[in-house]
Amino acid sequence: EYAAINSMLDQINSCLDHLEEKNDHLHARLKELLESNRQTRLEFQQ
């Protein structure tokens, strides 16, 4: 019984780690897009 619970917790932790990686990637991409947008606005203002 404990082995099954431990296995399920390991799977949950693995899923959470994967989601955290995806979240970090999306956050980095969003920062890139925001910076790109800021640069574009500056170019249009000049």
C-alpha atoms as a PDB file:
ATOM      1  CA  GLU A   1       0.000   0.000   0.000  1.00  0.00           C
ATOM      2  CA  TYR A   2       2.767   2.433   0.914  1.00  0.00           C
ATOM      3  CA  ALA A   3       4.657   1.456  -2.212  1.00  0.00           C
ATOM      4  CA  ALA A   4       1.627   2.336  -4.335  1.00  0.00           C
ATOM      5  CA  ILE A   5       1.261   5.701  -2.579  1.00  0.00           C
ATOM      6  CA  ASN A   6       4.963   6.425  -3.044  1.00  0.00           C
ATOM      7  CA  SER A   7       4.709   5.529  -6.708  1.00  0.00           C
ATOM      8  CA  MET A   8       1.736   7.855  -7.182  1.00  0.00           C
ATOM      9  CA  LEU A   9       3.557  10.664  -5.359  1.00  0.00           C
ATOM     10  CA  ASP A  10       6.583  10.131  -7.589  1.00  0.00           C
ATOM     11  CA  GLN A  11       4.362  10.411 -10.665  1.00  0.00           C
ATOM     12  CA  ILE A  12       2.740  13.574  -9.304  1.00  0.00           C
ATOM     13  CA  ASN A  13       6.154  15.078  -8.561  1.00  0.00           C
ATOM     14  CA  SER A  14       7.312  14.208 -12.058  1.00  0.00           C
ATOM     15  CA  CYS A  15       4.254  15.897 -13.569  1.00  0.00           C
ATOM     16  CA  LEU A  16       4.754  18.971 -11.402  1.00  0.00           C
ATOM     17  CA  ASP A  17       8.411  19.166 -12.416  1.00  0.00           C
ATOM     18  CA  HIS A  18       7.385  18.968 -16.059  1.00  0.00           C
ATOM     19  CA  LEU A  19       4.789  21.708 -15.595  1.00  0.00           C
ATOM     20  CA  GLU A  20       7.343  23.880 -13.826  1.00  0.00           C
ATOM     21  CA  GLU A  21       9.753  23.467 -16.746  1.00  0.00           C
ATOM     22  CA  LYS A  22       7.022  24.420 -19.209  1.00  0.00           C
ATOM     23  CA  ASN A  23       6.073  27.396 -17.067  1.00  0.00           C
ATOM     24  CA  ASP A  24       9.698  28.567 -16.933  1.00  0.00           C
ATOM     25  CA  HIS A  25       9.960  28.222 -20.719  1.00  0.00           C
ATOM     26  CA  LEU A  26       6.732  30.161 -21.251  1.00  0.00           C
ATOM     27  CA  HIS A  27       7.871  32.866 -18.840  1.00  0.00           C
ATOM     28  CA  ALA A  28      11.154  33.261 -20.689  1.00  0.00           C
ATOM     29  CA  ARG A  29       9.341  33.399 -24.050  1.00  0.00           C
ATOM     30  CA  LEU A  30       6.906  36.004 -22.718  1.00  0.00           C
ATOM     31  CA  LYS A  31       9.798  38.159 -21.546  1.00  0.00           C
ATOM     32  CA  GLU A  32      11.337  37.891 -25.034  1.00  0.00           C
ATOM     33  CA  LEU A  33       8.053  38.892 -26.657  1.00  0.00           C
ATOM     34  CA  LEU A  34       7.569  41.835 -24.306  1.00  0.00           C
ATOM     35  CA  GLU A  35      11.090  43.062 -25.007  1.00  0.00           C
ATOM     36  CA  SER A  36      10.532  42.679 -28.743  1.00  0.00           C
ATOM     37  CA  ASN A  37       7.288  44.639 -28.456  1.00  0.00           C
ATOM     38  CA  ARG A  38       9.049  47.364 -26.494  1.00  0.00           C
ATOM     39  CA  GLN A  39      11.773  47.626 -29.144  1.00  0.00           C
ATOM     40  CA  THR A  40       9.177  47.813 -31.923  1.00  0.00           C
ATOM     41  CA  ARG A  41       7.316  50.613 -30.135  1.00  0.00           C
ATOM     42  CA  LEU A  42      10.547  52.549 -29.679  1.00  0.00           C
ATOM     43  CA  GLU A  43      11.333  52.201 -33.388  1.00  0.00           C
ATOM     44  CA  PHE A  44       7.888  53.464 -34.364  1.00  0.00           C
ATOM     45  CA  GLN A  45       8.247  56.462 -32.060  1.00  0.00           C
ATOM     46  CA  GLN A  46      11.455  57.577 -33.733  1.00  0.00           C
END
